[in-house]
Protein backbone atom coordinates (compact mmCIF):
# COMPACT_ATOMS: atom_id res chain seq x y z
CA MET A 1 -21.34 -59.33 70.32
CA VAL A 2 -20.40 -58.61 66.96
CA PHE A 3 -21.58 -54.94 66.16
CA LEU A 4 -21.75 -54.53 62.18
CA HIS A 5 -21.59 -49.88 61.40
CA ALA A 6 -23.89 -47.87 59.49
CA PHE A 7 -22.94 -45.75 56.54
CA PRO A 8 -20.52 -43.17 56.32
CA LEU A 9 -19.97 -44.04 59.87
CA GLN A 10 -17.86 -46.27 61.91
CA ALA A 11 -17.24 -49.53 64.14
CA ALA A 12 -15.63 -46.88 66.91
CA MET A 13 -19.50 -45.94 66.85
CA TRP A 14 -20.65 -48.75 69.18
CA ASP A 15 -18.51 -47.53 71.66
CA TYR A 16 -21.32 -46.57 73.71
CA GLN A 17 -21.92 -49.97 73.82
CA ILE A 18 -19.33 -51.61 73.84
CA GLU A 19 -18.55 -49.75 77.39
CA ALA A 20 -21.50 -50.38 78.48
CA LEU A 21 -21.76 -54.16 78.03
CA GLU A 22 -17.79 -55.03 77.91
CA GLY A 23 -18.03 -56.47 81.50
CA SER A 24 -20.54 -59.34 80.63
CA TYR A 25 -19.61 -59.89 77.25
CA ARG A 26 -17.17 -60.67 74.38
CA CYS A 27 -18.22 -57.55 72.34
CA ILE A 28 -16.45 -57.22 68.13
CA ALA A 29 -16.53 -53.87 66.23
CA ILE A 30 -16.18 -54.84 62.36
CA ASP A 31 -14.39 -51.91 60.25
CA MET A 32 -15.64 -52.59 56.61
CA PRO A 33 -13.16 -52.52 53.83
CA GLY A 34 -12.60 -48.86 53.54
CA PHE A 35 -13.86 -47.18 56.55
CA GLY A 36 -12.32 -46.55 60.26
CA MET A 37 -8.91 -48.78 60.33
CA SER A 38 -9.41 -51.20 58.33
CA PRO A 39 -7.79 -50.60 54.40
CA PRO A 40 -10.07 -50.00 51.52
CA PRO A 41 -10.79 -52.82 49.42
CA ALA A 42 -8.90 -53.64 46.06
CA GLU A 43 -11.94 -54.47 43.71
CA PRO A 44 -14.70 -51.55 44.74
CA GLU A 45 -16.52 -52.50 42.05
CA LYS A 46 -17.12 -56.17 43.23
CA ALA A 47 -18.31 -55.59 46.43
CA SER A 48 -21.22 -57.15 47.93
CA MET A 49 -22.80 -58.42 51.47
CA GLU A 50 -22.04 -61.90 50.69
CA ARG A 51 -18.45 -61.63 49.90
CA TRP A 52 -18.80 -58.94 53.65
CA ALA A 53 -19.81 -61.72 55.18
CA ASP A 54 -17.24 -63.83 54.27
CA LEU A 55 -15.02 -61.22 55.34
CA VAL A 56 -17.25 -60.82 58.84
CA VAL A 57 -16.69 -64.79 59.28
CA GLY A 58 -13.12 -65.11 58.44
CA VAL A 59 -12.67 -62.07 61.20
CA LEU A 60 -14.86 -64.49 63.85
CA ASP A 61 -12.94 -67.70 62.82
CA GLN A 62 -9.67 -66.04 63.22
CA LEU A 63 -11.58 -64.64 67.15
CA GLY A 64 -12.76 -68.49 67.13
CA VAL A 65 -16.12 -67.48 68.00
CA GLU A 66 -18.47 -69.85 66.74
CA LYS A 67 -21.97 -67.95 66.95
CA ALA A 68 -23.00 -64.29 68.05
CA THR A 69 -25.20 -62.38 68.78
CA VAL A 70 -25.51 -60.11 65.44
CA VAL A 71 -25.94 -55.83 65.92
CA GLY A 72 -26.27 -54.36 62.73
CA GLU A 73 -27.56 -50.46 62.05
CA SER A 74 -28.72 -49.31 58.83
CA MET A 75 -26.05 -51.11 56.17
CA GLY A 76 -25.20 -53.11 59.40
CA GLY A 77 -28.02 -54.21 59.50
CA TYR A 78 -27.87 -55.18 55.58
CA LEU A 79 -24.85 -57.48 56.44
CA ALA A 80 -26.28 -58.69 59.68
CA ILE A 81 -28.82 -60.24 57.36
CA ALA A 82 -26.42 -61.23 54.76
CA LEU A 83 -24.60 -63.33 57.13
CA LEU A 84 -28.02 -64.63 58.48
CA ARG A 85 -28.37 -65.82 53.95
CA HIS A 86 -25.21 -67.44 53.67
CA HIS A 87 -24.33 -67.96 57.10
CA PRO A 88 -26.91 -68.65 59.11
CA ASP A 89 -25.44 -70.94 61.77
CA ARG A 90 -22.73 -68.06 62.83
CA VAL A 91 -26.16 -66.16 63.85
CA GLN A 92 -27.31 -66.47 67.06
CA GLN A 93 -29.98 -63.35 67.90
CA LEU A 94 -29.92 -60.63 65.65
CA VAL A 95 -30.70 -57.49 66.31
CA LEU A 96 -31.53 -54.65 63.54
CA ALA A 97 -31.58 -51.06 64.68
CA ASP A 98 -32.94 -48.47 61.96
CA THR A 99 -32.50 -50.65 58.75
CA ARG A 100 -34.99 -52.61 56.26
CA ALA A 101 -36.04 -56.25 54.52
CA ARG A 102 -36.44 -54.78 50.68
CA ALA A 103 -34.24 -54.12 48.11
CA ASP A 104 -33.13 -51.07 46.98
CA ASP A 105 -35.79 -49.86 44.48
CA PRO A 106 -35.16 -48.02 41.06
CA THR A 107 -35.06 -43.93 42.56
CA VAL A 108 -33.05 -45.19 45.74
CA ALA A 109 -30.12 -47.26 43.95
CA GLN A 110 -29.63 -44.71 40.68
CA ARG A 111 -29.23 -42.81 43.61
CA ARG A 112 -26.11 -44.17 45.04
CA THR A 113 -24.49 -44.94 41.75
CA ASN A 114 -24.91 -40.73 41.51
CA GLN A 115 -22.75 -40.85 44.46
CA GLN A 116 -20.35 -43.73 42.73
CA ASN A 117 -20.16 -41.23 40.01
CA GLN A 118 -19.10 -37.98 42.19
CA ILE A 119 -16.34 -39.63 43.76
CA ARG A 120 -15.00 -41.11 40.20
CA ASP A 121 -15.77 -37.59 39.24
CA GLY A 122 -13.28 -36.35 42.33
CA ALA A 123 -15.76 -35.51 45.11
CA GLU A 124 -14.68 -34.98 48.39
CA VAL A 125 -16.25 -37.95 50.69
CA ALA A 126 -16.46 -35.34 53.72
CA SER A 127 -17.91 -33.31 51.77
CA LEU A 128 -20.97 -35.98 50.71
CA ALA A 129 -20.40 -37.12 53.94
CA LYS A 130 -21.48 -33.76 55.89
CA GLU A 131 -24.57 -33.89 53.98
CA MET A 132 -25.62 -36.95 55.19
CA VAL A 133 -25.29 -36.44 57.87
CA GLU A 134 -28.02 -34.03 58.15
CA GLY A 135 -30.43 -36.88 57.14
CA LEU A 136 -29.04 -39.57 59.32
CA LEU A 137 -29.94 -37.11 62.49
CA SER A 138 -33.05 -36.43 64.70
CA SER A 139 -34.14 -32.47 64.55
CA GLY A 140 -34.11 -32.28 68.36
CA SER A 141 -29.98 -34.14 67.80
CA MET A 142 -28.67 -31.95 64.84
CA SER A 143 -29.31 -29.13 67.69
CA ARG A 144 -26.70 -30.63 69.86
CA SER A 145 -23.02 -29.59 68.35
CA GLU A 146 -21.11 -32.06 70.24
CA LEU A 147 -23.32 -34.39 69.16
CA VAL A 148 -23.15 -33.70 65.34
CA GLU A 149 -19.74 -33.42 65.18
CA TYR A 150 -18.66 -36.15 66.54
CA VAL A 151 -21.17 -38.67 63.65
CA HIS A 152 -18.77 -36.10 61.34
CA ALA A 153 -15.78 -37.41 63.13
CA LEU A 154 -17.23 -40.87 62.34
CA ALA A 155 -17.96 -40.14 58.76
CA GLU A 156 -15.74 -38.09 57.20
CA GLY A 157 -12.60 -40.68 57.84
CA ALA A 158 -13.62 -43.30 55.19
CA HIS A 159 -11.46 -43.84 52.11
CA PRO A 160 -13.29 -42.56 48.60
CA ASP A 161 -12.56 -46.51 47.52
CA GLY A 162 -14.64 -47.74 50.76
CA TRP A 163 -17.72 -45.58 49.91
CA VAL A 164 -18.05 -46.79 46.51
CA ALA A 165 -17.56 -50.53 47.53
CA ALA A 166 -20.71 -49.50 50.51
CA LEU A 167 -22.29 -48.40 47.75
CA GLN A 168 -22.60 -51.17 45.67
CA ALA A 169 -22.88 -53.71 48.40
CA MET A 170 -26.32 -51.79 49.59
CA LYS A 171 -27.61 -51.27 45.95
CA ASP A 172 -27.18 -55.00 44.71
CA ARG A 173 -28.52 -56.48 47.88
CA PRO A 174 -31.31 -58.92 47.05
CA ASP A 175 -35.12 -58.58 48.69
CA SER A 176 -34.33 -60.31 52.24
CA MET A 177 -38.17 -60.33 52.80
CA HIS A 178 -38.60 -64.51 51.99
CA LEU A 179 -35.67 -65.15 53.95
CA LEU A 180 -36.54 -63.03 57.26
CA ARG A 181 -40.41 -65.31 57.13
CA GLN A 182 -38.82 -68.62 56.74
CA SER A 183 -36.24 -67.62 59.41
CA ASN A 184 -36.51 -68.86 63.48
CA VAL A 185 -33.27 -66.74 64.73
CA ARG A 186 -34.21 -65.62 67.83
CA ALA A 187 -34.56 -61.20 66.33
CA LEU A 188 -34.40 -57.52 68.50
CA VAL A 189 -36.00 -55.11 65.85
CA ILE A 190 -34.97 -51.08 67.11
CA VAL A 191 -35.71 -48.28 65.31
CA GLY A 192 -35.77 -44.00 66.68
CA GLU A 193 -39.03 -43.17 66.34
CA LEU A 194 -38.49 -40.11 63.66
CA ASP A 195 -36.55 -42.16 61.79
CA ARG A 196 -36.60 -40.21 58.04
CA VAL A 197 -34.28 -43.14 56.40
CA THR A 198 -36.10 -46.32 57.58
CA PRO A 199 -38.93 -45.33 59.28
CA ILE A 200 -41.01 -46.68 62.20
CA ALA A 201 -43.65 -48.58 59.79
CA GLU A 202 -40.06 -50.29 58.07
CA ALA A 203 -39.04 -51.68 61.84
CA MET A 204 -43.36 -53.16 62.21
CA SER A 205 -42.12 -55.01 59.01
CA LEU A 206 -39.35 -56.65 59.63
CA ARG A 207 -40.58 -57.69 63.27
CA SER A 208 -43.63 -59.27 61.33
CA LEU A 209 -41.18 -60.85 59.13
CA LEU A 210 -39.19 -61.87 62.31
CA LYS A 211 -41.54 -62.08 65.07
CA GLY A 212 -38.98 -60.82 66.95
CA GLU A 213 -39.45 -57.68 69.92
CA LEU A 214 -40.31 -53.96 68.52
CA VAL A 215 -38.31 -51.12 70.53
CA ILE A 216 -39.47 -47.61 69.27
CA VAL A 217 -36.66 -45.16 70.81
CA PRO A 218 -39.01 -41.79 71.23
CA ASN A 219 -37.23 -37.99 69.68
CA VAL A 220 -34.69 -39.51 67.82
CA GLY A 221 -34.06 -40.02 64.38
CA HIS A 222 -31.72 -43.13 62.27
CA LEU A 223 -29.18 -43.55 64.41
CA PRO A 224 -30.66 -43.64 68.29
CA ASN A 225 -28.02 -45.73 69.52
CA ILE A 226 -25.98 -42.99 69.17
CA GLU A 227 -28.94 -40.28 70.14
CA ASP A 228 -29.92 -41.65 72.50
CA PRO A 229 -27.28 -44.62 74.11
CA LEU A 230 -28.75 -44.95 77.22
CA SER A 231 -32.72 -46.19 75.95
CA PHE A 232 -30.67 -48.07 73.19
CA ASN A 233 -28.19 -50.16 76.12
CA GLU A 234 -31.43 -50.66 78.00
CA ALA A 235 -33.18 -51.71 74.82
CA LEU A 236 -30.23 -54.41 73.86
CA LEU A 237 -29.65 -55.55 77.51
CA SER A 238 -32.83 -56.70 78.46
CA PHE A 239 -33.85 -58.42 74.96
CA LEU A 240 -29.80 -60.11 76.22
CA GLY A 241 -31.45 -60.32 79.79
CA SER A 242 -34.46 -62.73 78.50
CA ALA A 243 -31.76 -64.84 77.02
CA ASP A 244 -29.95 -65.39 78.77
CA SER A 245 -32.46 -66.52 81.69
CA ALA A 246 -34.11 -68.64 79.63
CA SER A 247 -30.84 -71.37 79.15
CA PRO A 248 -30.64 -74.14 80.06
CA ALA A 249 -26.91 -72.70 81.11
CA ALA A 250 -28.51 -69.68 83.07
């Protein structure tokens, strides 16, 4: 199991899932450059999902992993799709949570550019991250002070160059609708019922393209794995279990 984190969080966002799965699966959560425990990128303006996919494959090679179930949420979903595009032989199954197949439209791309310019002009990442959290969580989750503080902690430790690189990689990523339509990978799509960033319509489009399963986690926003980890884990384990029971080895 390879877990790819959302923006602007870090690999630790998957702690609830790893705790539930590590007894049965080898779990690998990767911090992208400039996030969590990974050093910042040397050339953030040259970052791309393709280069990041190569980095993930480098980690898998170092750990001796030939194929994996790849789980990506939000930005991590973009990266999971990039792995499917550039290294399809390494993706055994795909789990996409609160993400989309379409490329950024001009308005979203410009917003990312504006954020990059703010950082280059000296804006503090912690301040920008705090503003973002309100858009990621549902109103019900925002009333849970401990959860809000936890998400803030996950978001505030990123390096400014990590932000610039992530924004660059996201706004330059290609449209992936044709890729997913042509793929035969077994897939699960998960979305928070109240997600305002990538709403249910985006998840339904993904499910249609991939011909996969769709799970809607009720009463949560853009981070269902954190807002309702029990429901998220239940969906994940059901998906994994149905694959295991159908395999010849099982």
